[in-house]
Structures are given as C-alpha cells and as structure tokens.
C-alpha cells in the first residue's frame, strides 16, 4: 500500500480510472470491473465530473453516477478512496468559487456520498487568481464535504504559486498532483514538476503511463500506427522510442507477458513509474479481462539494474533544458490510461482527453492524450482537460491484459490503444476533447536530435534510422530462426471520436 502524505489514506499502488464507465464500459461491465478491483485489494478510484461527456448522448457525470450506484448497492463507500475533479464539465467550467461549490454538490449527489476523499482542480483557470483558488480550496476543506485537495493540469509556475500561497497564508496544502509521465515523456515531470513534489511532499498519480499504447509494444514500425492513435504514437516510432521497447522486451517476458506486447510490457511500464516515485499510476479498463494485468503492478518490483537499464534506454526523453523557460506548456490530463494503451482524453479529444477537458490544450495525451479518460484524448480526443481526466488518462488502465487485445484508450480513438489513458473531454476542449482539452500527447523530445540507442547484449540494439521494425530483427522475434510465433491480438474496434 502507498500512503498519501499528510493524510490517513493508504492506497493500492494502482488507481482505477473511471473514464471508461458510461462510455466504453456500460453499467454492468463497470460493476464487474469495480467488484474485481476491490476484491483484488484495490482501493482508489479516479473519476471527474466531465466523464464521459465526449460519448454520444452523454452530458458528463455518467462515470460518477455509475460509481455512486455501485457504492450504494455494494455498501463499499467505506472501502474505497474516491477522487473526482472539477472545472472541465461544459456547464461547470472554471474555478470561480460559486461554480466549484455548485459542481461539488452535484458530484456528491451523483456519487451518493456526503464527502470526497480527494478533490482535484481538473485544470487551472487563469481567469481566477491563484489566491482566490487557494481560498476556495480552503473553503471546500472547511465545509467537510472534501477531505483533501489535488491539482491537475497546472503549469509548473502556477502550480508552485498555488503551494506557496497556501503555505504562506496558512491554508491546507494540496496532497496530490496528476502529471503526464511515462518512459517516453520524462522531461516535463522530472525537470519541472518533481522538484515541487519533493519540496512540498505530494503524492503523484501519473496519467498516460503507457504513452497512448506505444509502451505496450504493439507499435514497431510506421505501418502499425493507424487511426486516431497516429498523432499520439507516431512520434515515438523511431530509433529513440524503439530503443525503449527493446529494453522492455526481456523484462516483459520475465514478468508474465507475451513476446513483446501485452500485459508484460504494460506491467513493466507501470512498474517503472512506481520505481520512479509514483504513488499509484492511473489506469482504466473497459473490460474485466484487462484488469489483472494492471493490478499485477502490485507484485512486480523492478530490480535496481532494470530501472537503470530503462532509464538509460529512455534517456533521450529526459534531456533537461539548459536554460528552462518559465514553464513548459501544460499537459492535458490524460487522466487515465486504459489497459489497451489508450487514454480517454485521446479518444475524447483526438488524443489526450482527460487533462485537456478544459478549453486549454494541454499536453496530456498519454495515451494519446490522457480520461481517465479513459486516462483519457480518446473519447473525444481527450475530454479530461478538455473533455475529460485529462483522459488520459490522465489518468484508464493502460496496461493491456494478456488475453485481451490492446484496448483503445478510453479517450483514444484507436481501439488498440489504452483506454486507461483516455483523455478527458475538456482537454482540448474536446481536448482532451472528449476528454479533451488536448488529446495528443506532446512530443517529448521535440527539439531533441534523434539518437541511436546504445546496443545492449541483453535486449538487443535498435538499428539506426528514423523507423525501425522490431518484428523482423529482434532476437527471438517471430520470424527469426527458432523464434516462437507472436500471439495475434484480437482486433479491437476503434473507439469513436469524442466531441469537443
């Protein structure tokens, strides 16, 4: 279990993203997933008032309503830690105090509870001063309806300002943040957000842990990148990105995966986040069969050598700026990463949904974006911030389950992307469009020259060149002499684009 600082909350090391509930998972399937999650020791559920507005016919609040019905029918309110978000729902956008208070009461009604364990400001509202936001957060805590405050999709500069104002005025500090963070999106968190996390002792719940499904190993050459996943994944299909996949393959086999895709790869990606200090990565599932691979994170502990190998393989995505600007563009809250690698934000917003659920286009598209999104651009393209938990995402279950074909991010449009990362509708506005404020994940190594991965005897070296095919050259890869055939993944239907 992992402790959230300055609280009495101990949580399972995987946060279940709710961006798929009422979207790619109907009420019955959502109940099965929730039942299994709790039966397996899971405790924290992440959702947002904007989930899943990016789905056709939805208005937002569907995920909260399903979770509320489930808690009421099962009598599980005391067994779970409920996290939800405010600020991106179309009719409740922004962080003006009156709006936030009204949105809170509406969320409580849908969740059928009288308190929220962790209440996130889903997206920063630059029309509301940080001083006023802090005052509102304190009023929420003093009302007794909110136990703890968290921040999602804030620029580093504004995030630091929030903590400093809270500290200097004697207000209660936020206890959690939701950053866009994974093996191929390291710099923004490690350079700008982690220093704040360490200074103020804050829990970290990353979204887009599976990088829109890229880290599941299903994308090995440009021809593998299709549909809505294209913008969120294509940027990684090069020597730098494939060097990371090479480094993961041997570990995936060790930790229960198939040849080079599936649960083993997803588990390794999430386990790396835990090794880097993440409290409980957010991931969502749209089907029960995807859940076990995600929850395996509780039992997998990468060795020091394995973490170092992954750090080295992904070093191109962690190059610090020599003279950083005041702040990088805010990432959309992909919210959650689904088991198939997509995020609701992406689906909702076209790429990252959850964090982008707000109007701003945040980078969240982990899964392509990001909603919990599930988190998470998926649904709409990322409704989290722009449409949603900042899917992806976000924060859905990013890891793909071994038996299940890669699932699209709840917020991503690609069926084999991870729903857990689904962006949240407001991310891009669609943003995560459907999650979406900003469905697509920003390319992490934007201005970085492409580097050839170093050869590693253990995992093989990626050939140099812009596009590399692992399938044909990997030692022991399908088609190689004496190599086993790679299991074929069931084709997943593409998820619908989330409305902005």
Protein backbone atom coordinates (compact mmCIF):
# COMPACT_ATOMS: atom_id res chain seq x y z
CA UNK A 1 0.00 0.00 0.00
CA UNK A 2 1.12 3.58 -0.58
CA UNK A 3 0.45 6.44 1.82
CA UNK A 4 -0.79 9.81 0.58
CA UNK A 5 1.27 12.39 2.52
CA UNK A 6 -0.42 14.34 5.32
CA UNK A 7 -3.48 12.09 5.24
CA UNK A 8 -4.57 8.82 6.81
CA UNK A 9 -5.09 7.29 3.37
CA UNK A 10 -3.19 4.17 2.32
CA UNK A 11 -3.93 3.17 -1.27
CA UNK A 12 -3.29 0.21 -3.54
CA UNK A 13 -0.41 1.02 -5.95
CA UNK A 14 -2.73 1.25 -8.95
CA UNK A 15 -5.52 3.82 -9.22
CA UNK A 16 -8.53 2.57 -11.17
CA UNK A 17 -9.53 5.15 -13.76
CA UNK A 18 -13.25 5.72 -14.16
CA UNK A 19 -13.18 7.39 -17.56
CA UNK A 20 -14.45 4.26 -19.29
CA UNK A 21 -17.54 3.94 -17.08
CA UNK A 22 -20.60 5.00 -19.02
CA UNK A 23 -18.56 5.16 -22.17
CA UNK A 24 -16.75 2.01 -23.38
CA UNK A 25 -17.91 0.09 -20.30
CA UNK A 26 -21.65 0.01 -19.65
CA UNK A 27 -23.10 -0.16 -16.13
CA UNK A 28 -22.93 -3.96 -15.85
CA UNK A 29 -19.34 -4.20 -17.07
CA UNK A 30 -18.34 -1.25 -14.90
CA UNK A 31 -19.78 -3.03 -11.84
CA UNK A 32 -17.82 -6.19 -12.71
CA UNK A 33 -14.60 -4.21 -13.03
CA UNK A 34 -15.20 -2.38 -9.75
CA UNK A 35 -16.09 -5.61 -7.93
CA UNK A 36 -12.93 -7.32 -9.15
CA UNK A 37 -10.75 -4.31 -8.37
CA UNK A 38 -11.85 -4.20 -4.75
CA UNK A 39 -11.77 -8.00 -4.41
CA UNK A 40 -8.14 -7.90 -5.57
CA UNK A 41 -7.18 -5.35 -2.94
CA UNK A 42 -7.73 -2.19 -4.99
CA UNK A 43 -8.85 0.90 -3.13
CA UNK A 44 -8.59 4.18 -5.07
CA UNK A 45 -11.00 5.12 -7.87
CA UNK A 46 -10.38 8.21 -10.00
CA UNK A 47 -13.09 9.97 -12.00
CA UNK A 48 -14.23 13.51 -12.93
CA UNK A 49 -17.50 15.36 -13.30
CA UNK A 50 -16.80 15.71 -17.02
CA UNK A 51 -16.58 11.94 -17.66
CA UNK A 52 -17.80 10.92 -20.18
CA UNK A 53 -19.27 13.93 -21.91
CA UNK A 54 -17.40 13.05 -25.08
CA UNK A 55 -19.51 9.92 -25.66
CA UNK A 56 -22.55 10.33 -27.87
CA UNK A 57 -25.62 11.19 -25.84
CA UNK A 58 -23.70 11.86 -22.63
CA UNK A 59 -23.71 15.13 -20.71
CA UNK A 60 -20.92 14.45 -18.22
CA UNK A 61 -21.30 12.89 -14.80
CA UNK A 62 -22.06 9.40 -16.16
CA UNK A 63 -18.94 7.90 -14.57
CA UNK A 64 -19.69 9.43 -11.18
CA UNK A 65 -23.27 8.15 -11.34
CA UNK A 66 -22.19 4.57 -12.06
CA UNK A 67 -19.63 4.65 -9.25
CA UNK A 68 -22.26 6.08 -6.92
CA UNK A 69 -24.78 3.36 -7.80
CA UNK A 70 -22.12 0.70 -7.31
CA UNK A 71 -21.10 2.02 -3.87
CA UNK A 72 -24.74 2.24 -2.80
CA UNK A 73 -25.63 -1.28 -3.97
CA UNK A 74 -22.46 -2.92 -2.66
CA UNK A 75 -22.12 -0.87 0.51
CA UNK A 76 -18.49 -0.16 -0.35
CA UNK A 77 -18.18 3.57 0.34
CA UNK A 78 -16.03 2.97 3.39
CA UNK A 79 -13.75 0.58 1.49
CA UNK A 80 -12.70 2.88 -1.32
CA UNK A 81 -10.93 6.21 -1.76
CA UNK A 82 -12.87 8.34 -4.22
CA UNK A 83 -11.11 11.02 -6.26
CA UNK A 84 -13.01 13.25 -8.66
CA UNK A 85 -12.37 16.54 -10.44
CA UNK A 86 -13.96 19.89 -11.10
CA UNK A 87 -13.54 22.60 -13.71
CA UNK A 88 -13.95 20.92 -17.10
CA UNK A 89 -17.60 19.90 -17.37
CA UNK A 90 -19.18 22.04 -20.10
CA UNK A 91 -21.77 23.59 -17.79
CA UNK A 92 -19.35 23.85 -14.84
CA UNK A 93 -16.12 25.12 -16.36
CA UNK A 94 -13.65 27.16 -14.40
CA UNK A 95 -12.67 27.56 -10.75
CA UNK A 96 -14.74 30.52 -9.62
CA UNK A 97 -15.85 29.70 -6.08
CA UNK A 98 -19.60 29.74 -6.73
CA UNK A 99 -19.15 27.39 -9.69
CA UNK A 100 -16.90 24.99 -7.77
CA UNK A 101 -19.27 24.80 -4.80
CA UNK A 102 -22.23 24.08 -7.06
CA UNK A 103 -20.26 21.47 -9.02
CA UNK A 104 -19.21 19.77 -5.79
CA UNK A 105 -22.80 19.34 -4.61
CA UNK A 106 -23.73 17.89 -8.00
CA UNK A 107 -20.83 15.41 -7.84
CA UNK A 108 -21.78 14.38 -4.31
CA UNK A 109 -25.34 13.71 -5.45
CA UNK A 110 -24.20 11.57 -8.37
CA UNK A 111 -21.71 9.69 -6.19
CA UNK A 112 -24.33 9.20 -3.49
CA UNK A 113 -21.97 10.23 -0.75
CA UNK A 114 -21.53 13.19 1.56
CA UNK A 115 -17.77 13.63 1.10
CA UNK A 116 -15.00 13.34 -1.48
CA UNK A 117 -11.67 11.85 -0.36
CA UNK A 118 -9.59 13.72 -2.96
CA UNK A 119 -10.99 16.62 -4.99
CA UNK A 120 -8.85 17.83 -7.92
CA UNK A 121 -8.96 21.16 -9.65
CA UNK A 122 -9.01 19.49 -13.06
CA UNK A 123 -7.48 22.36 -14.97
CA UNK A 124 -6.03 25.67 -13.98
CA UNK A 125 -8.33 28.64 -14.55
CA UNK A 126 -6.23 31.66 -15.41
CA UNK A 127 -9.26 33.90 -15.08
CA UNK A 128 -9.29 33.08 -11.38
CA UNK A 129 -6.27 34.21 -9.38
CA UNK A 130 -4.23 31.63 -7.52
CA UNK A 131 -5.06 33.48 -4.29
CA UNK A 132 -8.78 33.02 -4.96
CA UNK A 133 -8.26 29.37 -5.92
CA UNK A 134 -6.45 28.71 -2.66
CA UNK A 135 -9.21 30.43 -0.72
CA UNK A 136 -11.77 28.25 -2.50
CA UNK A 137 -9.81 25.09 -1.74
CA UNK A 138 -9.73 26.02 1.93
CA UNK A 139 -13.47 26.66 1.93
CA UNK A 140 -14.01 23.22 0.40
CA UNK A 141 -11.99 21.58 3.15
CA UNK A 142 -13.71 23.53 5.90
CA UNK A 143 -17.12 22.53 4.54
CA UNK A 144 -16.39 18.92 5.47
CA UNK A 145 -17.52 17.81 2.01
CA UNK A 146 -13.94 17.50 0.76
CA UNK A 147 -11.19 15.73 2.72
CA UNK A 148 -8.18 16.58 0.54
CA UNK A 149 -7.29 18.78 -2.47
CA UNK A 150 -5.26 17.86 -5.58
CA UNK A 151 -4.07 19.71 -8.71
CA UNK A 152 -4.19 18.50 -12.31
CA UNK A 153 -3.01 20.20 -15.48
CA UNK A 154 -1.35 23.26 -14.00
CA UNK A 155 1.80 24.76 -15.44
CA UNK A 156 4.79 24.34 -13.11
CA UNK A 157 4.86 28.07 -12.44
CA UNK A 158 1.20 28.29 -11.44
CA UNK A 159 1.40 25.02 -9.52
CA UNK A 160 4.32 26.27 -7.44
CA UNK A 161 2.50 29.52 -6.85
CA UNK A 162 -0.52 27.59 -5.51
CA UNK A 163 1.61 25.72 -2.99
CA UNK A 164 3.46 28.86 -1.92
CA UNK A 165 0.29 30.88 -1.43
CA UNK A 166 -1.30 28.05 0.56
CA UNK A 167 1.79 27.76 2.74
CA UNK A 168 2.20 31.50 3.27
CA UNK A 169 -1.45 32.05 4.14
CA UNK A 170 -1.74 29.08 6.46
CA UNK A 171 -4.14 27.25 4.14
CA UNK A 172 -4.03 23.47 3.79
CA UNK A 173 -1.69 22.36 1.01
CA UNK A 174 -2.80 20.06 -1.83
CA UNK A 175 -1.76 16.48 -1.15
CA UNK A 176 -1.62 15.19 -4.74
CA UNK A 177 -0.86 16.07 -8.35
CA UNK A 178 -1.62 14.29 -11.63
CA UNK A 179 1.25 14.71 -14.13
CA UNK A 180 1.73 13.37 -17.65
CA UNK A 181 4.65 10.99 -17.10
CA UNK A 182 5.99 7.81 -18.70
CA UNK A 183 9.14 6.30 -20.18
CA UNK A 184 8.92 8.38 -23.35
CA UNK A 185 7.63 11.55 -21.70
CA UNK A 186 10.02 12.25 -18.86
CA UNK A 187 11.48 15.74 -19.10
CA UNK A 188 8.48 17.86 -18.15
CA UNK A 189 7.77 15.94 -14.96
CA UNK A 190 11.35 15.26 -13.93
CA UNK A 191 12.61 18.77 -14.63
CA UNK A 192 9.67 20.94 -13.67
CA UNK A 193 7.13 19.07 -11.54
CA UNK A 194 9.19 16.65 -9.47
CA UNK A 195 11.07 19.45 -7.67
CA UNK A 196 7.70 20.81 -6.49
CA UNK A 197 6.55 17.34 -5.47
CA UNK A 198 9.69 16.78 -3.42
CA UNK A 199 9.71 20.22 -1.85
CA UNK A 200 6.09 20.09 -0.71
CA UNK A 201 5.80 16.32 -0.10
CA UNK A 202 3.00 15.49 -2.54
CA UNK A 203 1.54 12.20 -3.82
CA UNK A 204 1.91 11.57 -7.56
CA UNK A 205 -0.76 9.89 -9.69
CA UNK A 206 0.57 9.85 -13.30
CA UNK A 207 -1.60 9.56 -16.37
CA UNK A 208 -0.60 8.37 -19.83
CA UNK A 209 1.62 5.76 -18.25
CA UNK A 210 1.51 3.66 -21.43
CA UNK A 211 2.13 6.55 -23.82
CA UNK A 212 -1.09 6.06 -25.76
CA UNK A 213 -0.35 2.37 -26.08
CA UNK A 214 3.15 2.75 -27.52
CA UNK A 215 4.70 1.15 -24.43
CA UNK A 216 2.57 -1.97 -24.86
CA UNK A 217 4.92 -2.86 -27.71
CA UNK A 218 2.24 -3.00 -30.37
CA UNK A 219 3.75 -0.24 -32.50
CA UNK A 220 7.03 -1.31 -34.03
CA UNK A 221 7.02 0.41 -37.40
CA UNK A 222 5.11 3.22 -39.04
CA UNK A 223 2.65 0.85 -40.71
CA UNK A 224 1.47 -0.22 -37.24
CA UNK A 225 0.28 3.29 -36.42
CA UNK A 226 -3.24 3.86 -37.65
CA UNK A 227 -6.35 5.86 -36.94
CA UNK A 228 -6.61 8.26 -34.04
CA UNK A 229 -3.51 6.82 -32.47
CA UNK A 230 -1.42 8.24 -35.24
CA UNK A 231 -0.67 11.66 -33.79
CA UNK A 232 -0.06 10.37 -30.28
CA UNK A 233 2.15 7.41 -31.20
CA UNK A 234 3.89 8.14 -34.48
CA UNK A 235 6.30 10.50 -32.75
CA UNK A 236 7.79 7.56 -30.82
CA UNK A 237 8.23 5.13 -33.72
CA UNK A 238 11.88 5.99 -34.32
CA UNK A 239 15.26 4.89 -33.00
CA UNK A 240 14.83 6.66 -29.65
CA UNK A 241 11.38 5.26 -28.96
CA UNK A 242 12.10 1.75 -30.16
CA UNK A 243 15.23 1.63 -28.02
CA UNK A 244 12.87 1.80 -25.04
CA UNK A 245 10.77 -1.06 -26.41
CA UNK A 246 13.92 -3.15 -26.88
CA UNK A 247 14.89 -2.59 -23.26
CA UNK A 248 11.41 -3.61 -22.07
CA UNK A 249 11.07 -6.85 -24.04
CA UNK A 250 13.24 -9.07 -21.84
CA UNK A 251 11.63 -7.70 -18.70
CA UNK A 252 8.16 -8.24 -20.14
CA UNK A 253 8.91 -11.91 -20.70
CA UNK A 254 10.17 -12.16 -17.14
CA UNK A 255 7.08 -10.53 -15.66
CA UNK A 256 4.47 -12.58 -17.47
CA UNK A 257 3.92 -11.05 -20.86
CA UNK A 258 3.91 -12.40 -24.37
CA UNK A 259 6.77 -12.00 -26.80
CA UNK A 260 6.81 -8.23 -27.00
CA UNK A 261 3.33 -6.94 -26.42
CA UNK A 262 0.58 -7.26 -23.88
CA UNK A 263 0.39 -7.32 -20.13
CA UNK A 264 4.06 -7.90 -19.54
CA UNK A 265 5.04 -4.73 -21.37
CA UNK A 266 2.27 -2.72 -19.70
CA UNK A 267 3.19 -4.01 -16.28
CA UNK A 268 6.83 -3.07 -16.80
CA UNK A 269 5.87 0.45 -17.90
CA UNK A 270 3.71 0.96 -14.80
CA UNK A 271 6.27 -0.70 -12.52
CA UNK A 272 8.91 1.75 -13.77
CA UNK A 273 6.66 4.65 -12.74
CA UNK A 274 6.37 3.17 -9.27
CA UNK A 275 10.14 2.77 -9.09
CA UNK A 276 10.46 6.47 -10.00
CA UNK A 277 8.31 7.51 -7.06
CA UNK A 278 4.75 7.44 -8.43
CA UNK A 279 2.24 6.77 -5.67
CA UNK A 280 -0.30 4.88 -7.79
CA UNK A 281 -0.39 5.31 -11.61
CA UNK A 282 -3.88 5.74 -13.02
CA UNK A 283 -5.11 3.09 -15.43
CA UNK A 284 -8.56 2.11 -16.60
CA UNK A 285 -10.14 -0.95 -18.13
CA UNK A 286 -13.07 -1.12 -20.46
CA UNK A 287 -13.39 -4.87 -19.97
CA UNK A 288 -12.87 -7.04 -16.92
CA UNK A 289 -10.26 -9.15 -18.67
CA UNK A 290 -7.88 -6.18 -18.82
CA UNK A 291 -7.82 -5.61 -15.09
CA UNK A 292 -5.48 -8.38 -13.93
CA UNK A 293 -2.56 -7.10 -16.00
CA UNK A 294 -2.94 -3.66 -14.48
CA UNK A 295 -3.20 -4.90 -10.92
CA UNK A 296 -0.07 -7.02 -11.38
CA UNK A 297 1.81 -3.81 -10.68
CA UNK A 298 1.27 -4.54 -7.00
CA UNK A 299 3.52 -7.60 -7.13
CA UNK A 300 6.15 -6.55 -9.67
CA UNK A 301 9.26 -4.84 -8.36
CA UNK A 302 11.86 -3.97 -10.95
CA UNK A 303 15.42 -4.50 -9.81
CA UNK A 304 17.80 -1.56 -9.50
CA UNK A 305 19.60 -2.79 -12.61
CA UNK A 306 16.35 -2.99 -14.57
CA UNK A 307 15.36 0.53 -13.60
CA UNK A 308 18.81 1.76 -14.60
CA UNK A 309 18.53 -0.02 -17.96
CA UNK A 310 15.16 1.60 -18.64
CA UNK A 311 16.46 4.99 -17.53
CA UNK A 312 19.36 4.66 -19.96
CA UNK A 313 17.19 3.42 -22.82
CA UNK A 314 14.80 6.36 -22.38
CA UNK A 315 17.49 8.98 -21.72
CA UNK A 316 16.66 10.82 -24.96
CA UNK A 317 13.30 11.73 -23.42
CA UNK A 318 14.79 13.10 -20.23
CA UNK A 319 17.23 15.70 -21.54
CA UNK A 320 16.89 18.78 -19.36
CA UNK A 321 16.81 22.26 -20.81
CA UNK A 322 19.99 24.14 -20.01
CA UNK A 323 18.05 27.33 -19.54
CA UNK A 324 14.45 26.30 -18.95
CA UNK A 325 11.72 28.72 -19.78
CA UNK A 326 9.40 29.92 -17.09
CA UNK A 327 7.30 26.87 -17.76
CA UNK A 328 6.51 24.28 -20.42
CA UNK A 329 3.07 24.11 -21.92
CA UNK A 330 0.70 22.45 -19.50
CA UNK A 331 -0.10 18.88 -20.37
CA UNK A 332 -3.65 17.80 -20.71
CA UNK A 333 -4.79 15.39 -18.12
CA UNK A 334 -4.88 12.26 -19.94
CA UNK A 335 -6.30 11.18 -16.96
CA UNK A 336 -6.14 7.61 -17.23
CA UNK A 337 -4.50 5.03 -19.26
CA UNK A 338 -6.59 2.16 -20.31
CA UNK A 339 -5.49 -1.37 -20.40
CA UNK A 340 -5.08 -1.21 -24.09
CA UNK A 341 -2.88 1.79 -24.00
CA UNK A 342 -5.26 4.47 -24.98
CA UNK A 343 -6.49 7.30 -22.92
CA UNK A 344 -9.90 8.70 -22.66
CA UNK A 345 -8.52 12.08 -23.28
CA UNK A 346 -7.12 10.99 -26.51
CA UNK A 347 -10.32 9.48 -27.54
CA UNK A 348 -12.26 12.32 -26.39
CA UNK A 349 -10.09 14.95 -27.73
CA UNK A 350 -8.49 13.24 -30.50
CA UNK A 351 -5.55 12.47 -28.42
CA UNK A 352 -5.47 13.41 -24.88
CA UNK A 353 -8.69 13.82 -23.24
CA UNK A 354 -8.74 13.99 -19.63
CA UNK A 355 -6.45 16.75 -18.88
CA UNK A 356 -7.49 18.64 -21.80
CA UNK A 357 -11.03 18.61 -20.88
CA UNK A 358 -10.73 22.19 -20.17
CA UNK A 359 -10.53 24.52 -23.02
CA UNK A 360 -6.84 24.74 -22.95
CA UNK A 361 -4.93 22.34 -24.96
CA UNK A 362 -2.77 20.64 -22.51
CA UNK A 363 -0.38 18.08 -23.36
CA UNK A 364 -1.94 15.32 -21.76
CA UNK A 365 -2.41 12.82 -24.14
CA UNK A 366 -0.66 9.94 -22.58
CA UNK A 367 -2.39 7.81 -24.01
CA UNK A 368 -2.58 9.98 -26.71
CA UNK A 369 -3.63 12.27 -24.91
CA UNK A 370 -4.93 11.31 -21.48
CA UNK A 371 -9.51 10.18 -19.03
CA UNK A 372 -9.35 8.83 -17.10
CA UNK A 373 -10.28 9.23 -19.96
CA UNK A 374 -10.32 6.66 -20.21
CA UNK A 375 -6.53 8.17 -18.54
CA UNK A 376 -8.02 9.66 -21.19
CA UNK A 377 -8.00 12.34 -25.99
CA UNK A 378 -9.57 9.19 -26.61
CA UNK A 379 -13.10 9.71 -26.21
CA UNK A 380 -13.23 12.88 -27.86
CA UNK A 381 -9.80 13.37 -28.18
CA UNK A 382 -9.16 14.00 -24.69
CA UNK A 383 -12.04 15.20 -22.77
CA UNK A 384 -10.44 15.28 -19.47
CA UNK A 385 -8.97 18.53 -19.62
CA UNK A 386 -10.76 19.40 -22.48
CA UNK A 387 -13.12 16.89 -22.11
CA UNK A 388 -12.45 14.85 -19.51
CA UNK A 389 -9.46 13.17 -16.58
CA UNK A 390 -7.44 14.63 -18.79
CA UNK A 391 -8.05 11.19 -20.04
CA UNK A 392 -5.71 10.11 -20.47
CA UNK A 393 -5.54 9.36 -18.83
CA UNK A 394 -4.82 11.12 -17.15
CA UNK A 395 -5.44 9.14 -15.68
CA UNK A 396 -7.88 4.08 -17.62
CA UNK A 397 -5.99 1.09 -17.47
CA UNK A 398 -3.08 1.45 -19.59
CA UNK A 399 -1.77 -1.97 -19.39
CA UNK A 400 -3.17 -4.39 -21.83
CA UNK A 401 -4.38 -7.57 -20.43
CA UNK A 402 -2.67 -10.61 -21.74
CA UNK A 403 -5.79 -12.16 -23.01
CA UNK A 404 -7.30 -9.04 -24.36
CA UNK A 405 -6.32 -7.33 -27.47
CA UNK A 406 -4.93 -3.95 -26.80
CA UNK A 407 -7.75 -1.76 -25.84
CA UNK A 408 -8.05 1.75 -27.16
CA UNK A 409 -7.63 4.42 -24.67
CA UNK A 410 -10.80 5.34 -23.27
CA UNK A 411 -10.06 8.55 -24.71
CA UNK A 412 -8.23 7.46 -27.64
CA UNK A 413 -9.72 6.65 -30.89
CA UNK A 414 -7.54 3.69 -31.66
CA UNK A 415 -9.05 0.53 -30.47
CA UNK A 416 -5.82 -0.94 -29.56
CA UNK A 417 -4.69 1.96 -27.60
CA UNK A 418 -5.02 2.13 -23.94
CA UNK A 419 -8.32 3.34 -22.58
CA UNK A 420 -6.78 3.93 -19.31
CA UNK A 421 -5.11 6.84 -20.74
CA UNK A 422 -8.16 8.19 -22.15
CA UNK A 423 -8.12 11.90 -22.26
CA UNK A 424 -10.73 13.87 -20.65
CA UNK A 425 -13.15 15.70 -22.62
CA UNK A 426 -12.14 19.01 -21.90
CA UNK A 427 -8.64 18.53 -22.61
CA UNK A 428 -8.55 20.24 -25.69
CA UNK A 429 -11.80 21.21 -25.34
CA UNK A 430 -12.54 18.39 -26.95
CA UNK A 431 -9.48 18.45 -25.57
CA UNK A 432 -8.89 16.07 -24.42
CA UNK A 433 -11.55 16.86 -26.45
CA UNK A 434 -13.60 14.47 -25.45
CA UNK A 435 -11.64 14.40 -22.65
CA UNK A 436 -10.20 16.67 -24.03
CA UNK A 437 -8.55 19.54 -23.85
CA UNK A 438 -5.81 18.28 -25.64
CA UNK A 439 -5.81 14.98 -26.97
CA UNK A 440 -2.50 14.39 -28.32
CA UNK A 441 0.47 13.99 -26.19
CA UNK A 442 3.13 16.43 -26.81
CA UNK A 443 6.21 15.03 -28.30
CA UNK A 444 8.60 14.89 -25.52
CA UNK A 445 11.72 15.12 -27.44
CA UNK A 446 10.57 17.86 -29.64
CA UNK A 447 13.72 19.66 -30.20
CA UNK A 448 15.95 16.80 -29.45
CA UNK A 449 18.13 15.33 -32.15
CA UNK A 450 17.36 11.73 -32.73
CA UNK A 451 19.85 9.47 -31.06
CA UNK A 452 20.70 5.94 -31.89
CA UNK A 453 20.02 3.62 -29.00
CA UNK A 454 23.03 2.03 -27.47
CA UNK A 455 23.34 -1.68 -28.11
CA UNK A 456 22.64 -3.87 -25.15
CA UNK A 457 23.59 -7.52 -25.17
CA UNK A 458 20.61 -8.36 -23.01
CA UNK A 459 17.89 -6.85 -25.10
CA UNK A 460 19.35 -6.18 -28.49
CA UNK A 461 20.04 -2.89 -30.16
CA UNK A 462 17.68 -0.97 -32.31
CA UNK A 463 19.04 -0.32 -35.73
CA UNK A 464 19.70 3.24 -36.56
CA UNK A 465 17.25 5.04 -38.74
CA UNK A 466 14.09 7.04 -38.33
CA UNK A 467 11.83 3.99 -38.43
CA UNK A 468 12.82 0.62 -37.06
CA UNK A 469 10.94 -2.64 -37.22
CA UNK A 470 11.37 -4.79 -34.14
CA UNK A 471 9.40 -7.64 -35.61
CA UNK A 472 11.95 -8.51 -38.22
CA UNK A 473 15.18 -8.07 -36.34
CA UNK A 474 14.58 -8.72 -32.67
CA UNK A 475 16.42 -11.73 -31.27
CA UNK A 476 13.85 -14.43 -30.79
CA UNK A 477 11.27 -12.35 -32.59
CA UNK A 478 8.55 -14.06 -34.59
CA UNK A 479 10.00 -14.94 -37.93
CA UNK A 480 13.55 -15.14 -36.60
CA UNK A 481 15.24 -18.57 -36.69
CA UNK A 482 13.93 -20.70 -33.87
CA UNK A 483 11.68 -17.97 -32.60
CA UNK A 484 8.18 -18.66 -31.30
CA UNK A 485 5.26 -17.15 -33.12
CA UNK A 486 3.93 -14.00 -31.59
CA UNK A 487 0.36 -14.38 -30.39
CA UNK A 488 -2.05 -12.48 -32.54
CA UNK A 489 -4.06 -9.83 -30.81
CA UNK A 490 -7.77 -9.75 -31.29
CA UNK A 491 -8.76 -6.83 -33.36
CA UNK A 492 -10.31 -4.09 -31.32
CA UNK A 493 -12.95 -1.85 -32.75
CA UNK A 494 -11.92 1.71 -33.00
CA UNK A 495 -13.36 3.95 -30.36
CA UNK A 496 -15.49 6.82 -31.54
CA UNK A 497 -14.03 10.25 -31.52
CA UNK A 498 -15.08 12.28 -28.60
CA UNK A 499 -16.84 15.52 -29.22
CA UNK A 500 -15.01 18.59 -28.19
